[in-house]
Amino acid sequence: SGNNMFTYKYSHETGVNLTLAYINASDAVTDVSYSDIGISYTGMEGLTVGYAQGDVEQTTNTKSDEHTMYAKYATGPITVGVQTSEKDVDGGATDDTESSGFGISYQVNDDLTISYGSNTREKVGSKDQEAVAIGASYTVGSMGIAVSMNAVDNVNNSASDDREGYQMILTFAF
């Protein structure tokens, strides 16, 4: 978003959704400009697919092309999603990145859900960043508890930065 940004959104009853956006560079507002387009389809029960692409000028005369594709399918108690993204920087092959990931969740019953996700981010000339997460949530009446374990190797594609995290959330609804 930004000042003087043009955005156009269109949705069709067939499940096709389109979004266009553009902001022009202006020294008074921003020294960079960009344009984006995104399209998604939700016309088949349980399925969502989409593609988005953007041209970004991060600093004056430094542009990158970015795009992503994704798909999510839910059937019964199972939901599966996949996504792949790429960023190509003009004249900066060492700044180019690609990422791919997937996630799956399973609703065991009305109260218990478990999930797993994985993502890999590749950067030219660097170690791959690899992340995994496992989670579970349980609801009893108006109370819920969720736990997760997350691990990331080579954070920001740095071989010397590995991290783990654990989380527990307790919620009450009144």
C-alpha atoms as a PDB file:
ATOM      1  CA  SER A   1       0.000   0.000   0.000  1.00  0.00           C
ATOM      2  CA  GLY A   2       1.061   3.582  -0.409  1.00  0.00           C
ATOM      3  CA  ASN A   3      -0.092   7.103  -1.170  1.00  0.00           C
ATOM      4  CA  ASN A   4      -1.677   7.550  -4.604  1.00  0.00           C
ATOM      5  CA  MET A   5      -1.807   3.808  -5.176  1.00  0.00           C
ATOM      6  CA  PHE A   6      -4.101   2.467  -7.876  1.00  0.00           C
ATOM      7  CA  THR A   7      -5.845  -0.809  -7.018  1.00  0.00           C
ATOM      8  CA  TYR A   8      -8.425  -2.702  -9.058  1.00  0.00           C
ATOM      9  CA  LYS A   9     -10.259  -5.781  -7.779  1.00  0.00           C
ATOM     10  CA  TYR A  10     -12.635  -8.025  -9.713  1.00  0.00           C
ATOM     11  CA  SER A  11     -14.495 -11.127  -8.579  1.00  0.00           C
ATOM     12  CA  HIS A  12     -16.611 -13.339 -10.813  1.00  0.00           C
ATOM     13  CA  GLU A  13     -19.302 -15.806  -9.753  1.00  0.00           C
ATOM     14  CA  THR A  14     -17.272 -18.659 -11.300  1.00  0.00           C
ATOM     15  CA  GLY A  15     -14.691 -18.248  -8.507  1.00  0.00           C
ATOM     16  CA  VAL A  16     -12.133 -16.184 -10.438  1.00  0.00           C
ATOM     17  CA  ASN A  17     -10.692 -13.258  -8.470  1.00  0.00           C
ATOM     18  CA  LEU A  18      -8.311 -10.667  -9.934  1.00  0.00           C
ATOM     19  CA  THR A  19      -6.361  -7.902  -8.201  1.00  0.00           C
ATOM     20  CA  LEU A  20      -4.161  -5.318  -9.928  1.00  0.00           C
ATOM     21  CA  ALA A  21      -2.070  -2.697  -8.129  1.00  0.00           C
ATOM     22  CA  TYR A  22       0.344   0.052  -9.170  1.00  0.00           C
ATOM     23  CA  ILE A  23       2.181   2.821  -7.380  1.00  0.00           C
ATOM     24  CA  ASN A  24       4.282   5.343  -9.286  1.00  0.00           C
ATOM     25  CA  ALA A  25       7.644   6.506  -7.948  1.00  0.00           C
ATOM     26  CA  SER A  26       7.550  10.066  -6.683  1.00  0.00           C
ATOM     27  CA  ASP A  27      10.292  11.709  -4.625  1.00  0.00           C
ATOM     28  CA  ALA A  28       7.618  13.350  -2.467  1.00  0.00           C
ATOM     29  CA  VAL A  29       6.056   9.985  -1.590  1.00  0.00           C
ATOM     30  CA  THR A  30       8.458   7.175  -2.407  1.00  0.00           C
ATOM     31  CA  ASP A  31      11.560   6.760  -4.509  1.00  0.00           C
ATOM     32  CA  VAL A  32      10.420   3.364  -5.725  1.00  0.00           C
ATOM     33  CA  SER A  33       7.561   2.073  -7.848  1.00  0.00           C
ATOM     34  CA  TYR A  34       5.922  -1.277  -8.311  1.00  0.00           C
ATOM     35  CA  SER A  35       3.116  -3.113 -10.038  1.00  0.00           C
ATOM     36  CA  ASP A  36       1.391  -6.314  -8.952  1.00  0.00           C
ATOM     37  CA  ILE A  37      -1.142  -8.727 -10.364  1.00  0.00           C
ATOM     38  CA  GLY A  38      -2.784 -11.625  -8.569  1.00  0.00           C
ATOM     39  CA  ILE A  39      -5.357 -14.129  -9.721  1.00  0.00           C
ATOM     40  CA  SER A  40      -7.038 -16.930  -7.793  1.00  0.00           C
ATOM     41  CA  TYR A  41      -9.667 -19.546  -8.474  1.00  0.00           C
ATOM     42  CA  THR A  42     -12.072 -20.954  -5.880  1.00  0.00           C
ATOM     43  CA  GLY A  43     -14.758 -22.378  -8.187  1.00  0.00           C
ATOM     44  CA  MET A  44     -14.276 -26.031  -7.232  1.00  0.00           C
ATOM     45  CA  GLU A  45     -15.366 -27.166  -3.779  1.00  0.00           C
ATOM     46  CA  GLY A  46     -12.385 -27.386  -1.428  1.00  0.00           C
ATOM     47  CA  LEU A  47      -9.836 -26.121  -3.985  1.00  0.00           C
ATOM     48  CA  THR A  48      -8.059 -22.771  -4.092  1.00  0.00           C
ATOM     49  CA  VAL A  49      -5.280 -22.077  -6.610  1.00  0.00           C
ATOM     50  CA  GLY A  50      -3.532 -18.822  -7.304  1.00  0.00           C
ATOM     51  CA  TYR A  51      -0.706 -16.964  -8.969  1.00  0.00           C
ATOM     52  CA  ALA A  52       0.740 -13.543  -8.213  1.00  0.00           C
ATOM     53  CA  GLN A  53       3.489 -11.563  -9.878  1.00  0.00           C
ATOM     54  CA  GLY A  54       5.063  -8.220  -9.075  1.00  0.00           C
ATOM     55  CA  ASP A  55       7.734  -5.904 -10.449  1.00  0.00           C
ATOM     56  CA  VAL A  56       9.414  -4.141  -7.546  1.00  0.00           C
ATOM     57  CA  GLU A  57      11.910  -1.301  -7.616  1.00  0.00           C
ATOM     58  CA  GLN A  58      13.486  -1.610  -4.170  1.00  0.00           C
ATOM     59  CA  THR A  59      15.809   1.369  -4.591  1.00  0.00           C
ATOM     60  CA  THR A  60      16.251   3.640  -7.587  1.00  0.00           C
ATOM     61  CA  ASN A  61      17.333   1.546 -10.591  1.00  0.00           C
ATOM     62  CA  THR A  62      17.337  -1.724  -8.589  1.00  0.00           C
ATOM     63  CA  LYS A  63      14.433  -3.852  -9.756  1.00  0.00           C
ATOM     64  CA  SER A  64      13.281  -7.370  -9.053  1.00  0.00           C
ATOM     65  CA  ASP A  65      10.643  -9.650 -10.484  1.00  0.00           C
ATOM     66  CA  GLU A  66       8.767 -11.666  -7.894  1.00  0.00           C
ATOM     67  CA  HIS A  67       6.141 -14.351  -8.370  1.00  0.00           C
ATOM     68  CA  THR A  68       4.402 -17.069  -6.410  1.00  0.00           C
ATOM     69  CA  MET A  69       2.028 -19.945  -7.129  1.00  0.00           C
ATOM     70  CA  TYR A  70      -0.018 -21.861  -4.603  1.00  0.00           C
ATOM     71  CA  ALA A  71      -2.700 -24.491  -4.240  1.00  0.00           C
ATOM     72  CA  LYS A  72      -4.787 -25.585  -1.269  1.00  0.00           C
ATOM     73  CA  TYR A  73      -7.225 -28.457  -1.170  1.00  0.00           C
ATOM     74  CA  ALA A  74      -9.527 -29.407   1.690  1.00  0.00           C
ATOM     75  CA  THR A  75     -11.533 -32.600   1.739  1.00  0.00           C
ATOM     76  CA  GLY A  76     -13.184 -34.002   4.819  1.00  0.00           C
ATOM     77  CA  PRO A  77     -10.822 -33.643   7.777  1.00  0.00           C
ATOM     78  CA  ILE A  78      -7.650 -33.104   5.670  1.00  0.00           C
ATOM     79  CA  THR A  79      -6.283 -29.850   4.255  1.00  0.00           C
ATOM     80  CA  VAL A  80      -3.124 -29.794   2.108  1.00  0.00           C
ATOM     81  CA  GLY A  81      -1.356 -26.738   0.747  1.00  0.00           C
ATOM     82  CA  VAL A  82       1.728 -26.151  -1.429  1.00  0.00           C
ATOM     83  CA  GLN A  83       3.474 -22.974  -2.535  1.00  0.00           C
ATOM     84  CA  THR A  84       6.496 -22.015  -4.620  1.00  0.00           C
ATOM     85  CA  SER A  85       7.961 -18.521  -4.954  1.00  0.00           C
ATOM     86  CA  GLU A  86      10.845 -16.890  -6.784  1.00  0.00           C
ATOM     87  CA  LYS A  87      12.579 -13.504  -6.664  1.00  0.00           C
ATOM     88  CA  ASP A  88      14.919 -12.477  -9.503  1.00  0.00           C
ATOM     89  CA  VAL A  89      16.953  -9.307  -8.937  1.00  0.00           C
ATOM     90  CA  ASP A  90      18.164  -7.485 -12.085  1.00  0.00           C
ATOM     91  CA  GLY A  91      21.953  -7.723 -12.265  1.00  0.00           C
ATOM     92  CA  GLY A  92      22.148  -9.358  -8.840  1.00  0.00           C
ATOM     93  CA  ALA A  93      22.228 -13.102  -9.259  1.00  0.00           C
ATOM     94  CA  THR A  94      23.533 -13.505  -5.682  1.00  0.00           C
ATOM     95  CA  ASP A  95      20.326 -11.895  -4.379  1.00  0.00           C
ATOM     96  CA  ASP A  96      18.004 -14.266  -6.267  1.00  0.00           C
ATOM     97  CA  THR A  97      15.924 -16.540  -4.035  1.00  0.00           C
ATOM     98  CA  GLU A  98      13.528 -19.459  -4.497  1.00  0.00           C
ATOM     99  CA  SER A  99      11.302 -20.992  -1.869  1.00  0.00           C
ATOM    100  CA  SER A 100       8.959 -23.945  -1.740  1.00  0.00           C
ATOM    101  CA  GLY A 101       6.838 -25.311   1.019  1.00  0.00           C
ATOM    102  CA  PHE A 102       3.901 -27.456   1.949  1.00  0.00           C
ATOM    103  CA  GLY A 103       1.603 -27.991   4.876  1.00  0.00           C
ATOM    104  CA  ILE A 104      -0.935 -30.559   5.911  1.00  0.00           C
ATOM    105  CA  SER A 105      -3.495 -30.552   8.702  1.00  0.00           C
ATOM    106  CA  TYR A 106      -5.786 -33.268   9.939  1.00  0.00           C
ATOM    107  CA  GLN A 107      -8.875 -32.666  12.051  1.00  0.00           C
ATOM    108  CA  VAL A 108      -8.968 -35.818  14.165  1.00  0.00           C
ATOM    109  CA  ASN A 109     -12.369 -34.913  15.631  1.00  0.00           C
ATOM    110  CA  ASP A 110     -14.350 -31.767  16.514  1.00  0.00           C
ATOM    111  CA  ASP A 111     -11.882 -30.973  19.299  1.00  0.00           C
ATOM    112  CA  LEU A 112      -8.416 -32.059  18.077  1.00  0.00           C
ATOM    113  CA  THR A 113      -6.392 -30.916  15.056  1.00  0.00           C
ATOM    114  CA  ILE A 114      -2.788 -31.754  14.210  1.00  0.00           C
ATOM    115  CA  SER A 115      -0.585 -30.178  11.536  1.00  0.00           C
ATOM    116  CA  TYR A 116       2.844 -30.317   9.892  1.00  0.00           C
ATOM    117  CA  GLY A 117       4.583 -27.858   7.594  1.00  0.00           C
ATOM    118  CA  SER A 118       7.920 -27.542   5.821  1.00  0.00           C
ATOM    119  CA  ASN A 119       9.604 -24.759   3.832  1.00  0.00           C
ATOM    120  CA  THR A 120      12.939 -24.441   2.011  1.00  0.00           C
ATOM    121  CA  ARG A 121      14.432 -21.104   0.908  1.00  0.00           C
ATOM    122  CA  GLU A 122      17.326 -21.271  -1.537  1.00  0.00           C
ATOM    123  CA  LYS A 123      19.644 -18.308  -2.133  1.00  0.00           C
ATOM    124  CA  VAL A 124      22.408 -18.384  -4.744  1.00  0.00           C
ATOM    125  CA  GLY A 125      25.784 -19.074  -3.116  1.00  0.00           C
ATOM    126  CA  SER A 126      24.337 -19.701   0.372  1.00  0.00           C
ATOM    127  CA  LYS A 127      23.171 -22.603   2.496  1.00  0.00           C
ATOM    128  CA  ASP A 128      19.483 -23.474   2.082  1.00  0.00           C
ATOM    129  CA  GLN A 129      17.226 -22.255   4.882  1.00  0.00           C
ATOM    130  CA  GLU A 130      15.060 -25.190   5.965  1.00  0.00           C
ATOM    131  CA  ALA A 131      12.122 -24.855   8.341  1.00  0.00           C
ATOM    132  CA  VAL A 132       9.708 -27.377   9.806  1.00  0.00           C
ATOM    133  CA  ALA A 133       6.793 -27.001  12.205  1.00  0.00           C
ATOM    134  CA  ILE A 134       4.555 -29.454  14.023  1.00  0.00           C
ATOM    135  CA  GLY A 135       1.437 -28.331  15.871  1.00  0.00           C
ATOM    136  CA  ALA A 136      -1.666 -29.514  17.638  1.00  0.00           C
ATOM    137  CA  SER A 137      -4.724 -27.801  19.069  1.00  0.00           C
ATOM    138  CA  TYR A 138      -7.427 -29.090  21.372  1.00  0.00           C
ATOM    139  CA  THR A 139     -10.718 -27.416  22.324  1.00  0.00           C
ATOM    140  CA  VAL A 140     -12.925 -28.221  25.307  1.00  0.00           C
ATOM    141  CA  GLY A 141     -16.048 -26.088  25.529  1.00  0.00           C
ATOM    142  CA  SER A 142     -14.907 -22.464  25.668  1.00  0.00           C
ATOM    143  CA  MET A 143     -11.277 -23.312  26.430  1.00  0.00           C
ATOM    144  CA  GLY A 144      -8.573 -24.147  23.911  1.00  0.00           C
ATOM    145  CA  ILE A 145      -4.936 -25.136  24.064  1.00  0.00           C
ATOM    146  CA  ALA A 146      -2.455 -25.147  21.198  1.00  0.00           C
ATOM    147  CA  VAL A 147       1.156 -26.311  21.132  1.00  0.00           C
ATOM    148  CA  SER A 148       3.792 -26.105  18.416  1.00  0.00           C
ATOM    149  CA  MET A 149       7.432 -26.946  17.799  1.00  0.00           C
ATOM    150  CA  ASN A 150       9.352 -25.050  15.133  1.00  0.00           C
ATOM    151  CA  ALA A 151      12.909 -25.520  13.865  1.00  0.00           C
ATOM    152  CA  VAL A 152      14.819 -23.468  11.301  1.00  0.00           C
ATOM    153  CA  ASP A 153      18.261 -24.423  10.017  1.00  0.00           C
ATOM    154  CA  ASN A 154      20.445 -21.767   8.368  1.00  0.00           C
ATOM    155  CA  VAL A 155      18.246 -18.760   9.254  1.00  0.00           C
ATOM    156  CA  ASN A 156      18.446 -16.143   6.480  1.00  0.00           C
ATOM    157  CA  ASN A 157      20.660 -18.637   4.589  1.00  0.00           C
ATOM    158  CA  SER A 158      23.453 -18.302   7.174  1.00  0.00           C
ATOM    159  CA  ALA A 159      25.187 -21.608   7.997  1.00  0.00           C
ATOM    160  CA  SER A 160      25.903 -20.513  11.573  1.00  0.00           C
ATOM    161  CA  ASP A 161      22.326 -19.680  12.606  1.00  0.00           C
ATOM    162  CA  ASP A 162      19.985 -22.527  13.598  1.00  0.00           C
ATOM    163  CA  ARG A 163      16.975 -21.941  15.857  1.00  0.00           C
ATOM    164  CA  GLU A 164      14.210 -23.880  17.591  1.00  0.00           C
ATOM    165  CA  GLY A 165      11.066 -22.584  19.191  1.00  0.00           C
ATOM    166  CA  TYR A 166       8.279 -24.019  21.275  1.00  0.00           C
ATOM    167  CA  GLN A 167       4.934 -22.406  21.938  1.00  0.00           C
ATOM    168  CA  MET A 168       1.905 -23.113  24.063  1.00  0.00           C
ATOM    169  CA  ILE A 169      -1.240 -21.002  23.879  1.00  0.00           C
ATOM    170  CA  LEU A 170      -4.188 -21.199  26.237  1.00  0.00           C
ATOM    171  CA  THR A 171      -7.415 -19.401  25.238  1.00  0.00           C
ATOM    172  CA  PHE A 172     -10.696 -18.754  26.971  1.00  0.00           C
ATOM    173  CA  ALA A 173     -13.873 -17.566  25.240  1.00  0.00           C
ATOM    174  CA  PHE A 174     -16.504 -15.783  27.279  1.00  0.00           C
END
